[in-house]
PDB file of N, CA and C in Angstrom:
ATOM      1  N   UNK A   1     -28.879  46.691  55.038  1.00  0.00           N
ATOM      2  CA  UNK A   1     -27.903  46.928  56.072  1.00  0.00           C
ATOM      3  C   UNK A   1     -27.692  45.632  56.842  1.00  0.00           C
ATOM      4  N   UNK A   2     -26.455  45.283  57.030  1.00  0.00           N
ATOM      5  CA  UNK A   2     -26.132  44.037  57.709  1.00  0.00           C
ATOM      6  C   UNK A   2     -26.135  44.242  59.219  1.00  0.00           C
ATOM      7  N   UNK A   3     -26.526  43.226  59.923  1.00  0.00           N
ATOM      8  CA  UNK A   3     -26.483  43.311  61.381  1.00  0.00           C
ATOM      9  C   UNK A   3     -25.042  43.151  61.845  1.00  0.00           C
ATOM     10  N   UNK A   4     -24.655  43.847  62.898  1.00  0.00           N
ATOM     11  CA  UNK A   4     -23.275  43.727  63.361  1.00  0.00           C
ATOM     12  C   UNK A   4     -22.985  42.325  63.895  1.00  0.00           C
ATOM     13  N   UNK A   5     -21.751  41.931  63.739  1.00  0.00           N
ATOM     14  CA  UNK A   5     -21.326  40.618  64.220  1.00  0.00           C
ATOM     15  C   UNK A   5     -21.139  40.701  65.737  1.00  0.00           C
ATOM     16  N   UNK A   6     -21.834  39.869  66.527  1.00  0.00           N
ATOM     17  CA  UNK A   6     -21.691  39.958  67.979  1.00  0.00           C
ATOM     18  C   UNK A   6     -20.348  39.437  68.481  1.00  0.00           C
ATOM     19  N   UNK A   7     -19.580  38.806  67.621  1.00  0.00           N
ATOM     20  CA  UNK A   7     -18.284  38.277  68.022  1.00  0.00           C
ATOM     21  C   UNK A   7     -17.302  39.428  68.198  1.00  0.00           C
ATOM     22  N   UNK A   8     -16.768  39.665  69.414  1.00  0.00           N
ATOM     23  CA  UNK A   8     -15.870  40.804  69.644  1.00  0.00           C
ATOM     24  C   UNK A   8     -14.607  40.785  68.793  1.00  0.00           C
ATOM     25  N   UNK A   9     -14.150  39.609  68.388  1.00  0.00           N
ATOM     26  CA  UNK A   9     -12.933  39.562  67.573  1.00  0.00           C
ATOM     27  C   UNK A   9     -13.160  40.164  66.194  1.00  0.00           C
ATOM     28  N   UNK A  10     -14.425  40.190  65.730  1.00  0.00           N
ATOM     29  CA  UNK A  10     -14.723  40.702  64.399  1.00  0.00           C
ATOM     30  C   UNK A  10     -15.329  42.105  64.425  1.00  0.00           C
ATOM     31  N   UNK A  11     -15.546  42.652  65.585  1.00  0.00           N
ATOM     32  CA  UNK A  11     -16.142  43.981  65.701  1.00  0.00           C
ATOM     33  C   UNK A  11     -15.047  45.038  65.597  1.00  0.00           C
ATOM     34  N   UNK A  12     -15.129  45.970  64.624  1.00  0.00           N
ATOM     35  CA  UNK A  12     -14.076  46.976  64.477  1.00  0.00           C
ATOM     36  C   UNK A  12     -14.144  48.018  65.591  1.00  0.00           C
ATOM     37  N   UNK A  13     -12.987  48.566  65.969  1.00  0.00           N
ATOM     38  CA  UNK A  13     -12.925  49.659  66.924  1.00  0.00           C
ATOM     39  C   UNK A  13     -12.825  49.240  68.374  1.00  0.00           C
ATOM     40  N   UNK A  14     -12.780  47.970  68.684  1.00  0.00           N
ATOM     41  CA  UNK A  14     -12.694  47.521  70.075  1.00  0.00           C
ATOM     42  C   UNK A  14     -11.229  47.291  70.452  1.00  0.00           C
ATOM     43  N   UNK A  15     -10.928  47.518  71.712  1.00  0.00           N
ATOM     44  CA  UNK A  15      -9.563  47.244  72.169  1.00  0.00           C
ATOM     45  C   UNK A  15      -9.421  45.755  72.515  1.00  0.00           C
ATOM     46  N   UNK A  16      -8.312  45.374  73.103  1.00  0.00           N
ATOM     47  CA  UNK A  16      -8.039  43.960  73.383  1.00  0.00           C
ATOM     48  C   UNK A  16      -9.037  43.340  74.360  1.00  0.00           C
ATOM     49  N   UNK A  17      -9.588  44.172  75.258  1.00  0.00           N
ATOM     50  CA  UNK A  17     -10.537  43.657  76.248  1.00  0.00           C
ATOM     51  C   UNK A  17     -11.947  43.497  75.669  1.00  0.00           C
ATOM     52  N   UNK A  18     -12.164  44.009  74.437  1.00  0.00           N
ATOM     53  CA  UNK A  18     -13.485  43.915  73.826  1.00  0.00           C
ATOM     54  C   UNK A  18     -14.384  45.084  74.150  1.00  0.00           C
ATOM     55  N   UNK A  19     -13.798  46.163  74.667  1.00  0.00           N
ATOM     56  CA  UNK A  19     -14.586  47.357  74.976  1.00  0.00           C
ATOM     57  C   UNK A  19     -14.147  48.491  74.066  1.00  0.00           C
ATOM     58  N   UNK A  20     -14.961  49.520  74.033  1.00  0.00           N
ATOM     59  CA  UNK A  20     -14.610  50.694  73.232  1.00  0.00           C
ATOM     60  C   UNK A  20     -13.580  51.529  73.968  1.00  0.00           C
ATOM     61  N   UNK A  21     -12.555  51.980  73.279  1.00  0.00           N
ATOM     62  CA  UNK A  21     -11.586  52.858  73.932  1.00  0.00           C
ATOM     63  C   UNK A  21     -12.190  54.248  74.148  1.00  0.00           C
ATOM     64  N   UNK A  22     -11.502  55.074  74.971  1.00  0.00           N
ATOM     65  CA  UNK A  22     -12.005  56.426  75.247  1.00  0.00           C
ATOM     66  C   UNK A  22     -12.138  57.229  73.957  1.00  0.00           C
ATOM     67  N   UNK A  23     -11.152  57.176  73.120  1.00  0.00           N
ATOM     68  CA  UNK A  23     -11.235  57.824  71.805  1.00  0.00           C
ATOM     69  C   UNK A  23     -11.232  56.721  70.779  1.00  0.00           C
ATOM     70  N   UNK A  24     -12.345  56.508  70.150  1.00  0.00           N
ATOM     71  CA  UNK A  24     -12.446  55.355  69.278  1.00  0.00           C
ATOM     72  C   UNK A  24     -12.976  55.688  67.906  1.00  0.00           C
ATOM     73  N   UNK A  25     -13.425  54.667  67.244  1.00  0.00           N
ATOM     74  CA  UNK A  25     -13.922  54.783  65.881  1.00  0.00           C
ATOM     75  C   UNK A  25     -15.398  55.146  65.825  1.00  0.00           C
ATOM     76  N   UNK A  26     -16.017  55.329  66.967  1.00  0.00           N
ATOM     77  CA  UNK A  26     -17.446  55.619  66.962  1.00  0.00           C
ATOM     78  C   UNK A  26     -17.678  57.056  66.504  1.00  0.00           C
ATOM     79  N   UNK A  27     -18.700  57.284  65.685  1.00  0.00           N
ATOM     80  CA  UNK A  27     -18.981  58.637  65.217  1.00  0.00           C
ATOM     81  C   UNK A  27     -19.590  59.478  66.328  1.00  0.00           C
ATOM     82  N   UNK A  28     -19.502  60.791  66.221  1.00  0.00           N
ATOM     83  CA  UNK A  28     -20.140  61.640  67.228  1.00  0.00           C
ATOM     84  C   UNK A  28     -21.658  61.507  67.162  1.00  0.00           C
ATOM     85  N   UNK A  29     -22.317  61.850  68.247  1.00  0.00           N
ATOM     86  CA  UNK A  29     -23.767  61.711  68.314  1.00  0.00           C
ATOM     87  C   UNK A  29     -24.476  62.729  67.430  1.00  0.00           C
ATOM     88  N   UNK A  30     -23.872  63.895  67.219  1.00  0.00           N
ATOM     89  CA  UNK A  30     -24.493  64.946  66.422  1.00  0.00           C
ATOM     90  C   UNK A  30     -23.495  65.474  65.422  1.00  0.00           C
ATOM     91  N   UNK A  31     -24.005  66.124  64.413  1.00  0.00           N
ATOM     92  CA  UNK A  31     -23.146  66.742  63.423  1.00  0.00           C
ATOM     93  C   UNK A  31     -22.425  67.948  64.001  1.00  0.00           C
ATOM     94  N   UNK A  32     -21.298  68.267  63.447  1.00  0.00           N
ATOM     95  CA  UNK A  32     -20.511  69.384  63.953  1.00  0.00           C
ATOM     96  C   UNK A  32     -20.843  70.706  63.297  1.00  0.00           C
ATOM     97  N   UNK A  33     -21.785  70.712  62.366  1.00  0.00           N
ATOM     98  CA  UNK A  33     -22.131  71.944  61.660  1.00  0.00           C
ATOM     99  C   UNK A  33     -23.392  72.516  62.285  1.00  0.00           C
ATOM    100  N   UNK A  34     -23.338  73.784  62.618  1.00  0.00           N
ATOM    101  CA  UNK A  34     -24.530  74.426  63.173  1.00  0.00           C
ATOM    102  C   UNK A  34     -24.957  75.555  62.256  1.00  0.00           C
ATOM    103  N   UNK A  35     -26.197  75.962  62.368  1.00  0.00           N
ATOM    104  CA  UNK A  35     -26.702  77.058  61.552  1.00  0.00           C
ATOM    105  C   UNK A  35     -27.341  76.544  60.280  1.00  0.00           C
ATOM    106  N   UNK A  36     -27.540  77.451  59.340  1.00  0.00           N
ATOM    107  CA  UNK A  36     -28.175  77.098  58.079  1.00  0.00           C
ATOM    108  C   UNK A  36     -27.134  77.078  56.971  1.00  0.00           C
ATOM    109  N   UNK A  37     -27.433  76.381  55.908  1.00  0.00           N
ATOM    110  CA  UNK A  37     -26.465  76.231  54.839  1.00  0.00           C
ATOM    111  C   UNK A  37     -26.503  77.391  53.847  1.00  0.00           C
ATOM    112  N   UNK A  38     -27.585  78.119  53.770  1.00  0.00           N
ATOM    113  CA  UNK A  38     -27.687  79.258  52.855  1.00  0.00           C
ATOM    114  C   UNK A  38     -28.542  80.344  53.513  1.00  0.00           C
ATOM    115  N   UNK A  39     -28.342  81.589  53.124  1.00  0.00           N
ATOM    116  CA  UNK A  39     -29.111  82.666  53.763  1.00  0.00           C
ATOM    117  C   UNK A  39     -30.597  82.574  53.422  1.00  0.00           C
ATOM    118  N   UNK A  40     -31.410  82.851  54.399  1.00  0.00           N
ATOM    119  CA  UNK A  40     -32.853  82.846  54.214  1.00  0.00           C
ATOM    120  C   UNK A  40     -33.297  84.147  53.534  1.00  0.00           C
ATOM    121  N   UNK A  41     -34.357  84.097  52.713  1.00  0.00           N
ATOM    122  CA  UNK A  41     -34.862  85.340  52.122  1.00  0.00           C
ATOM    123  C   UNK A  41     -35.484  86.230  53.198  1.00  0.00           C
ATOM    124  N   UNK A  42     -35.517  87.517  52.914  1.00  0.00           N
ATOM    125  CA  UNK A  42     -36.094  88.440  53.887  1.00  0.00           C
ATOM    126  C   UNK A  42     -37.581  88.169  54.055  1.00  0.00           C
ATOM    127  N   UNK A  43     -38.063  88.360  55.268  1.00  0.00           N
ATOM    128  CA  UNK A  43     -39.462  88.124  55.571  1.00  0.00           C
ATOM    129  C   UNK A  43     -40.313  89.260  55.001  1.00  0.00           C
ATOM    130  N   UNK A  44     -41.459  88.884  54.431  1.00  0.00           N
ATOM    131  CA  UNK A  44     -42.372  89.873  53.872  1.00  0.00           C
ATOM    132  C   UNK A  44     -43.056  90.593  55.031  1.00  0.00           C
ATOM    133  N   UNK A  45     -42.976  91.904  55.019  1.00  0.00           N
ATOM    134  CA  UNK A  45     -43.570  92.676  56.113  1.00  0.00           C
ATOM    135  C   UNK A  45     -45.092  92.742  55.994  1.00  0.00           C
ATOM    136  N   UNK A  46     -45.591  93.077  54.807  1.00  0.00           N
ATOM    137  CA  UNK A  46     -47.036  93.152  54.585  1.00  0.00           C
ATOM    138  C   UNK A  46     -47.385  92.287  53.384  1.00  0.00           C
ATOM    139  N   UNK A  47     -48.406  91.516  53.516  1.00  0.00           N
ATOM    140  CA  UNK A  47     -48.807  90.681  52.394  1.00  0.00           C
ATOM    141  C   UNK A  47     -49.655  91.476  51.403  1.00  0.00           C
ATOM    142  N   UNK A  48     -50.510  92.343  51.902  1.00  0.00           N
ATOM    143  CA  UNK A  48     -51.407  93.100  51.040  1.00  0.00           C
ATOM    144  C   UNK A  48     -51.186  94.591  51.244  1.00  0.00           C
ATOM    145  N   UNK A  49     -51.196  95.305  50.146  1.00  0.00           N
ATOM    146  CA  UNK A  49     -51.171  96.760  50.217  1.00  0.00           C
ATOM    147  C   UNK A  49     -52.597  97.274  50.265  1.00  0.00           C
ATOM    148  N   UNK A  50     -52.738  98.569  50.215  1.00  0.00           N
ATOM    149  CA  UNK A  50     -54.067  99.172  50.276  1.00  0.00           C
ATOM    150  C   UNK A  50     -54.827  98.991  48.970  1.00  0.00           C
ATOM    151  N   UNK A  51     -54.147  99.181  47.829  1.00  0.00           N
ATOM    152  CA  UNK A  51     -54.850  99.150  46.548  1.00  0.00           C
ATOM    153  C   UNK A  51     -55.375  97.769  46.166  1.00  0.00           C
ATOM    154  N   UNK A  52     -54.658  96.712  46.337  1.00  0.00           N
ATOM    155  CA  UNK A  52     -55.271  95.411  46.016  1.00  0.00           C
ATOM    156  C   UNK A  52     -56.516  95.122  46.854  1.00  0.00           C
ATOM    157  N   UNK A  53     -56.513  95.520  48.114  1.00  0.00           N
ATOM    158  CA  UNK A  53     -57.701  95.312  48.951  1.00  0.00           C
ATOM    159  C   UNK A  53     -58.878  96.140  48.442  1.00  0.00           C
ATOM    160  N   UNK A  54     -58.615  97.377  48.028  1.00  0.00           N
ATOM    161  CA  UNK A  54     -59.692  98.238  47.501  1.00  0.00           C
ATOM    162  C   UNK A  54     -60.259  97.640  46.220  1.00  0.00           C
ATOM    163  N   UNK A  55     -59.415  97.147  45.324  1.00  0.00           N
ATOM    164  CA  UNK A  55     -59.889  96.558  44.069  1.00  0.00           C
ATOM    165  C   UNK A  55     -60.722  95.315  44.340  1.00  0.00           C
ATOM    166  N   UNK A  56     -60.308  94.484  45.264  1.00  0.00           N
ATOM    167  CA  UNK A  56     -61.068  93.269  45.583  1.00  0.00           C
ATOM    168  C   UNK A  56     -62.430  93.620  46.173  1.00  0.00           C
ATOM    169  N   UNK A  57     -62.467  94.596  47.069  1.00  0.00           N
ATOM    170  CA  UNK A  57     -63.747  95.006  47.674  1.00  0.00           C
ATOM    171  C   UNK A  57     -64.663  95.602  46.615  1.00  0.00           C
ATOM    172  N   UNK A  58     -64.138  96.437  45.735  1.00  0.00           N
ATOM    173  CA  UNK A  58     -64.971  97.020  44.671  1.00  0.00           C
ATOM    174  C   UNK A  58     -65.497  95.947  43.720  1.00  0.00           C
ATOM    175  N   UNK A  59     -64.683  94.966  43.385  1.00  0.00           N
ATOM    176  CA  UNK A  59     -65.145  93.879  42.514  1.00  0.00           C
ATOM    177  C   UNK A  59     -66.248  93.075  43.205  1.00  0.00           C
ATOM    178  N   UNK A  60     -66.085  92.803  44.496  1.00  0.00           N
ATOM    179  CA  UNK A  60     -67.115  92.058  45.226  1.00  0.00           C
ATOM    180  C   UNK A  60     -68.421  92.845  45.292  1.00  0.00           C
ATOM    181  N   UNK A  61     -68.338  94.151  45.509  1.00  0.00           N
ATOM    182  CA  UNK A  61     -69.544  94.990  45.553  1.00  0.00           C
ATOM    183  C   UNK A  61     -70.213  95.017  44.182  1.00  0.00           C
ATOM    184  N   UNK A  62     -69.417  95.121  43.114  1.00  0.00           N
ATOM    185  CA  UNK A  62     -69.988  95.164  41.765  1.00  0.00           C
ATOM    186  C   UNK A  62     -70.697  93.850  41.436  1.00  0.00           C
ATOM    187  N   UNK A  63     -70.101  92.724  41.782  1.00  0.00           N
ATOM    188  CA  UNK A  63     -70.736  91.433  41.521  1.00  0.00           C
ATOM    189  C   UNK A  63     -72.019  91.304  42.342  1.00  0.00           C
ATOM    190  N   UNK A  64     -71.989  91.753  43.579  1.00  0.00           N
ATOM    191  CA  UNK A  64     -73.194  91.692  44.425  1.00  0.00           C
ATOM    192  C   UNK A  64     -74.314  92.535  43.851  1.00  0.00           C
ATOM    193  N   UNK A  65     -73.991  93.737  43.389  1.00  0.00           N
ATOM    194  CA  UNK A  65     -75.013  94.616  42.804  1.00  0.00           C
ATOM    195  C   UNK A  65     -75.599  93.978  41.545  1.00  0.00           C
ATOM    196  N   UNK A  66     -74.743  93.369  40.717  1.00  0.00           N
ATOM    197  CA  UNK A  66     -75.271  92.729  39.494  1.00  0.00           C
ATOM    198  C   UNK A  66     -76.162  91.528  39.838  1.00  0.00           C
ATOM    199  N   UNK A  67     -75.756  90.734  40.839  1.00  0.00           N
ATOM    200  CA  UNK A  67     -76.606  89.589  41.203  1.00  0.00           C
ATOM    201  C   UNK A  67     -77.939  90.033  41.774  1.00  0.00           C
ATOM    202  N   UNK A  68     -77.928  91.057  42.605  1.00  0.00           N
ATOM    203  CA  UNK A  68     -79.184  91.586  43.153  1.00  0.00           C
ATOM    204  C   UNK A  68     -80.043  92.135  42.031  1.00  0.00           C
ATOM    205  N   UNK A  69     -79.430  92.840  41.070  1.00  0.00           N
ATOM    206  CA  UNK A  69     -80.191  93.355  39.923  1.00  0.00           C
ATOM    207  C   UNK A  69     -80.811  92.241  39.103  1.00  0.00           C
ATOM    208  N   UNK A  70     -80.088  91.145  38.903  1.00  0.00           N
ATOM    209  CA  UNK A  70     -80.640  90.015  38.130  1.00  0.00           C
ATOM    210  C   UNK A  70     -81.809  89.370  38.877  1.00  0.00           C
ATOM    211  N   UNK A  71     -81.677  89.264  40.218  1.00  0.00           N
ATOM    212  CA  UNK A  71     -82.775  88.684  41.006  1.00  0.00           C
ATOM    213  C   UNK A  71     -84.011  89.565  40.915  1.00  0.00           C
ATOM    214  N   UNK A  72     -83.819  90.863  41.029  1.00  0.00           N
ATOM    215  CA  UNK A  72     -84.956  91.807  40.959  1.00  0.00           C
ATOM    216  C   UNK A  72     -85.578  91.769  39.576  1.00  0.00           C
ATOM    217  N   UNK A  73     -84.747  91.685  38.530  1.00  0.00           N
ATOM    218  CA  UNK A  73     -85.295  91.661  37.164  1.00  0.00           C
ATOM    219  C   UNK A  73     -86.066  90.381  36.896  1.00  0.00           C
ATOM    220  N   UNK A  74     -85.607  89.247  37.435  1.00  0.00           N
ATOM    221  CA  UNK A  74     -86.307  87.985  37.210  1.00  0.00           C
ATOM    222  C   UNK A  74     -87.601  87.887  38.022  1.00  0.00           C
ATOM    223  N   UNK A  75     -87.648  88.517  39.169  1.00  0.00           N
ATOM    224  CA  UNK A  75     -88.851  88.417  39.997  1.00  0.00           C
ATOM    225  C   UNK A  75     -89.937  89.406  39.560  1.00  0.00           C
ATOM    226  N   UNK A  76     -89.606  90.350  38.713  1.00  0.00           N
ATOM    227  CA  UNK A  76     -90.612  91.335  38.292  1.00  0.00           C
ATOM    228  C   UNK A  76     -91.459  90.835  37.156  1.00  0.00           C
TER     229      UNK A  76
END
């Protein structure tokens, strides 16, 4: 990106006095578009149902029982 020329005669958009006019070539400070460009997906109400939680708890209990059984069998 080139630095602007400080010479007022070469600066685009200035009036004869070397100042910016009221309505000039300067871009607006912000974009004129508000909002989002595409619709957002619906928010998930619940991440987990009842059955996946029950299956996970049962699997954890089963693994715990097997590990305890292996410890008891090895220590006997």
